[in-house]
Amino acid sequence: MQNQHAAIMRKLSDPDFQASLVNKSLGLVVGLSVLLAALVMCLAWIWTHPPTPKYFIVDGRNPPRAITALDSPIVSDAELLNWTVRAVLAPYNVNYHDYPEELNTAGRRFTDNGWKTFADSYIKSGNFDAMKKGMLLCFAQAQRSAVITESKIVGDALAYRIQVPIVQTCQNSNQINTQNLMLTALVLRTNAEDHLDGLAVEQLVAVVQ
């Protein structure tokens, strides 16, 4: 036991061992200092760059849906144009037999105000009565690609003005009528539960070409 104690004392009193011990201690202190500095920098970055909160709509019927800020795009321009073309063509693809269901489906892509103003215009033009009385089958398609002519903020929501030329053909067993129309749609960003695409047509104006 005494020999072991003496050996330990000799080891501790050895200058080389002491120098090695000091170097290791300094290395440990430096390492801990670097780690602490990195931790402080990380915490400072997190403090100055807080993560953007994410919100979800949960209605008990559909899967949870992330909410995107209304002043931010929700789809690419190409997807927006494709969505808009489908939305604005729908009211022009109707027939005398199935029009209640077809128009009801088409209206789901519009805001309440957008669909009301379009329906009022459609009825006042006489086209609605002509379709029913003439027992017409109407088909419409785009003549060229749709284009975004304007994008702006309307009531805190991003809005796009989009134009697309279409041709509509209405026919029955006795006649075929064709007209060229320039459709101009105002499409709004929305987070409304009844517009899961995040888009809705606020206005649709048709001008005969």
Protein backbone atom coordinates (compact mmCIF):
# COMPACT_ATOMS: atom_id res chain seq x y z
CA MET A 1 0.00 0.00 0.00
CA GLN A 2 2.83 2.39 0.92
CA ASN A 3 4.64 1.54 -2.34
CA GLN A 4 1.47 2.27 -4.32
CA HIS A 5 1.00 5.59 -2.53
CA ALA A 6 4.64 6.51 -3.17
CA ALA A 7 4.29 5.65 -6.85
CA ILE A 8 1.22 7.89 -7.15
CA MET A 9 3.02 10.76 -5.45
CA ARG A 10 6.02 10.35 -7.74
CA LYS A 11 3.67 10.38 -10.76
CA LEU A 12 1.92 13.51 -9.54
CA SER A 13 5.21 15.27 -8.90
CA ASP A 14 6.54 14.38 -12.34
CA PRO A 15 6.87 17.65 -14.34
CA ASP A 16 6.05 15.92 -17.63
CA PHE A 17 2.85 14.42 -16.16
CA GLN A 18 1.86 17.76 -14.69
CA ALA A 19 2.43 19.48 -18.04
CA SER A 20 0.35 16.81 -19.79
CA LEU A 21 -2.43 17.21 -17.21
CA VAL A 22 -2.44 20.98 -17.64
CA ASN A 23 -2.54 20.67 -21.44
CA LYS A 24 -5.47 18.26 -21.28
CA SER A 25 -7.31 20.54 -18.86
CA LEU A 26 -6.74 23.53 -21.11
CA GLY A 27 -7.94 21.51 -24.10
CA LEU A 28 -11.10 20.54 -22.22
CA VAL A 29 -11.73 24.16 -21.22
CA VAL A 30 -11.21 25.34 -24.81
CA GLY A 31 -13.52 22.63 -26.14
CA LEU A 32 -16.23 23.50 -23.64
CA SER A 33 -15.82 27.20 -24.47
CA VAL A 34 -16.24 26.51 -28.19
CA LEU A 35 -19.30 24.34 -27.50
CA LEU A 36 -20.79 27.04 -25.27
CA ALA A 37 -20.15 29.72 -27.90
CA ALA A 38 -21.81 27.57 -30.57
CA LEU A 39 -24.80 27.00 -28.30
CA VAL A 40 -25.11 30.73 -27.59
CA MET A 41 -24.93 31.53 -31.32
CA CYS A 42 -27.54 28.88 -32.08
CA LEU A 43 -29.90 30.23 -29.44
CA ALA A 44 -29.31 33.80 -30.65
CA TRP A 45 -30.14 32.78 -34.24
CA ILE A 46 -33.32 31.01 -33.13
CA TRP A 47 -34.29 34.06 -31.08
CA THR A 48 -33.80 36.45 -34.00
CA HIS A 49 -35.28 34.05 -36.61
CA PRO A 50 -38.35 32.53 -34.99
CA PRO A 51 -40.09 29.87 -37.09
CA THR A 52 -43.16 30.98 -38.99
CA PRO A 53 -46.24 29.66 -37.20
CA LYS A 54 -48.42 27.29 -39.19
CA TYR A 55 -52.16 27.18 -38.81
CA PHE A 56 -54.58 24.50 -39.91
CA ILE A 57 -58.29 24.29 -40.59
CA VAL A 58 -59.95 21.31 -38.93
CA ASP A 59 -63.65 20.93 -39.68
CA GLY A 60 -64.19 17.30 -38.71
CA ARG A 61 -65.10 16.35 -42.27
CA ASN A 62 -61.92 16.85 -44.28
CA PRO A 63 -58.26 16.18 -43.40
CA PRO A 64 -56.53 19.07 -41.58
CA ARG A 65 -55.64 21.74 -44.13
CA ALA A 66 -52.76 24.18 -43.78
CA ILE A 67 -53.69 27.86 -44.04
CA THR A 68 -51.54 29.99 -46.33
CA ALA A 69 -51.42 33.77 -45.90
CA LEU A 70 -53.98 35.42 -48.16
CA ASP A 71 -51.38 37.79 -49.61
CA SER A 72 -49.23 34.84 -50.74
CA PRO A 73 -49.65 32.62 -53.82
CA ILE A 74 -50.95 29.14 -53.11
CA VAL A 75 -50.16 27.61 -56.52
CA SER A 76 -47.83 28.31 -59.42
CA ASP A 77 -48.92 30.60 -62.24
CA ALA A 78 -49.44 27.62 -64.54
CA GLU A 79 -51.64 25.86 -61.99
CA LEU A 80 -53.55 29.09 -61.37
CA LEU A 81 -54.29 29.51 -65.07
CA ASN A 82 -55.38 25.88 -65.46
CA TRP A 83 -57.68 26.21 -62.44
CA THR A 84 -59.16 29.45 -63.76
CA VAL A 85 -59.82 28.07 -67.24
CA ARG A 86 -61.68 25.09 -65.77
CA ALA A 87 -63.65 27.39 -63.46
CA VAL A 88 -64.77 29.89 -66.11
CA LEU A 89 -65.55 27.30 -68.78
CA ALA A 90 -67.85 25.32 -66.49
CA PRO A 91 -70.87 27.71 -66.68
CA TYR A 92 -70.65 27.63 -70.48
CA ASN A 93 -70.68 23.83 -70.69
CA VAL A 94 -74.35 23.25 -69.92
CA ASN A 95 -77.40 21.67 -71.49
CA TYR A 96 -81.16 22.04 -71.09
CA HIS A 97 -81.49 18.72 -69.26
CA ASP A 98 -78.66 18.79 -66.73
CA TYR A 99 -78.19 22.52 -66.20
CA PRO A 100 -79.30 22.57 -62.52
CA GLU A 101 -76.55 20.17 -61.49
CA GLU A 102 -74.00 21.63 -63.92
CA LEU A 103 -74.51 25.21 -62.78
CA ASN A 104 -74.56 24.18 -59.14
CA THR A 105 -71.19 22.47 -59.61
CA ALA A 106 -69.79 25.45 -61.53
CA GLY A 107 -70.88 27.86 -58.79
CA ARG A 108 -68.73 26.12 -56.20
CA ARG A 109 -65.62 27.75 -57.67
CA PHE A 110 -67.11 31.23 -57.27
CA THR A 111 -67.57 33.44 -54.25
CA ASP A 112 -71.19 34.09 -53.31
CA ASN A 113 -70.96 37.59 -54.76
CA GLY A 114 -69.13 36.39 -57.85
CA TRP A 115 -71.73 33.74 -58.64
CA LYS A 116 -74.67 36.08 -57.97
CA THR A 117 -73.38 38.77 -60.32
CA PHE A 118 -72.56 36.23 -63.01
CA ALA A 119 -75.96 34.54 -62.69
CA ASP A 120 -77.76 37.89 -62.89
CA SER A 121 -75.84 38.78 -66.04
CA TYR A 122 -76.42 35.33 -67.54
CA ILE A 123 -80.18 35.58 -66.99
CA LYS A 124 -80.47 39.20 -68.19
CA SER A 125 -78.62 38.36 -71.40
CA GLY A 126 -81.40 35.93 -72.33
CA ASN A 127 -78.95 33.09 -72.89
CA PHE A 128 -80.33 31.10 -69.98
CA ASP A 129 -83.91 31.15 -71.27
CA ALA A 130 -82.73 30.50 -74.82
CA MET A 131 -80.85 27.42 -73.66
CA LYS A 132 -83.89 26.02 -71.84
CA LYS A 133 -86.53 26.89 -74.45
CA GLY A 134 -84.37 25.82 -77.38
CA MET A 135 -83.36 22.58 -75.62
CA LEU A 136 -79.76 23.44 -76.42
CA LEU A 137 -76.58 21.55 -75.70
CA CYS A 138 -73.76 24.04 -75.12
CA PHE A 139 -70.04 23.33 -75.25
CA ALA A 140 -67.15 25.73 -74.66
CA GLN A 141 -63.39 25.57 -74.98
CA ALA A 142 -60.46 27.96 -74.77
CA GLN A 143 -59.12 29.30 -78.05
CA ARG A 144 -55.74 30.32 -76.64
CA SER A 145 -53.85 30.07 -73.40
CA ALA A 146 -55.11 32.18 -70.52
CA VAL A 147 -52.94 35.09 -69.36
CA ILE A 148 -52.57 36.97 -66.08
CA THR A 149 -53.06 40.64 -66.91
CA GLU A 150 -52.83 41.99 -63.36
CA SER A 151 -52.09 40.88 -59.81
CA LYS A 152 -52.82 43.05 -56.79
CA ILE A 153 -54.04 43.03 -53.19
CA VAL A 154 -57.80 43.37 -52.75
CA GLY A 155 -59.05 43.53 -49.18
CA ASP A 156 -55.84 41.97 -47.78
CA ALA A 157 -56.08 39.08 -50.27
CA LEU A 158 -54.01 38.47 -53.38
CA ALA A 159 -56.13 38.87 -56.52
CA TYR A 160 -55.44 38.02 -60.14
CA ARG A 161 -57.14 39.38 -63.24
CA ILE A 162 -57.05 36.68 -65.89
CA GLN A 163 -58.23 36.72 -69.50
CA VAL A 164 -58.97 33.82 -71.81
CA PRO A 165 -60.73 33.80 -75.21
CA ILE A 166 -63.25 31.00 -75.64
CA VAL A 167 -65.63 29.70 -78.28
CA GLN A 168 -69.05 28.41 -77.24
CA THR A 169 -71.23 26.29 -79.48
CA CYS A 170 -74.92 25.71 -78.68
CA GLN A 171 -76.95 23.32 -80.76
CA ASN A 172 -80.11 21.28 -80.99
CA SER A 173 -81.56 19.10 -83.71
CA ASN A 174 -82.38 22.14 -85.87
CA GLN A 175 -79.62 24.68 -85.37
CA ILE A 176 -76.04 25.34 -84.37
CA ASN A 177 -74.93 28.70 -82.98
CA THR A 178 -71.33 29.65 -82.26
CA GLN A 179 -70.00 32.74 -80.54
CA ASN A 180 -66.54 33.93 -79.58
CA LEU A 181 -66.17 35.43 -76.11
CA MET A 182 -63.38 37.11 -74.20
CA LEU A 183 -63.68 36.10 -70.57
CA THR A 184 -62.10 38.25 -67.87
CA ALA A 185 -62.04 36.74 -64.39
CA LEU A 186 -61.01 38.20 -61.05
CA VAL A 187 -59.67 35.33 -58.95
CA LEU A 188 -59.10 35.81 -55.22
CA ARG A 189 -57.02 33.93 -52.69
CA THR A 190 -59.20 32.57 -49.92
CA ASN A 191 -59.01 30.28 -46.91
CA ALA A 192 -62.76 29.71 -46.78
CA GLU A 193 -63.74 26.18 -45.83
CA ASP A 194 -65.93 25.80 -48.91
CA HIS A 195 -63.02 26.63 -51.24
CA LEU A 196 -60.45 23.95 -50.49
CA ASP A 197 -58.34 24.95 -53.51
CA GLY A 198 -57.65 28.30 -51.83
CA LEU A 199 -59.01 30.17 -54.85
CA ALA A 200 -62.40 31.60 -55.83
CA VAL A 201 -63.78 33.58 -58.76
CA GLU A 202 -64.99 36.96 -57.51
CA GLN A 203 -66.00 38.30 -60.91
CA LEU A 204 -66.50 36.93 -64.41
CA VAL A 205 -67.20 39.22 -67.35
CA ALA A 206 -67.86 37.97 -70.89
CA VAL A 207 -67.51 40.21 -73.95
CA VAL A 208 -68.62 39.03 -77.39
CA GLN A 209 -65.79 39.22 -79.90
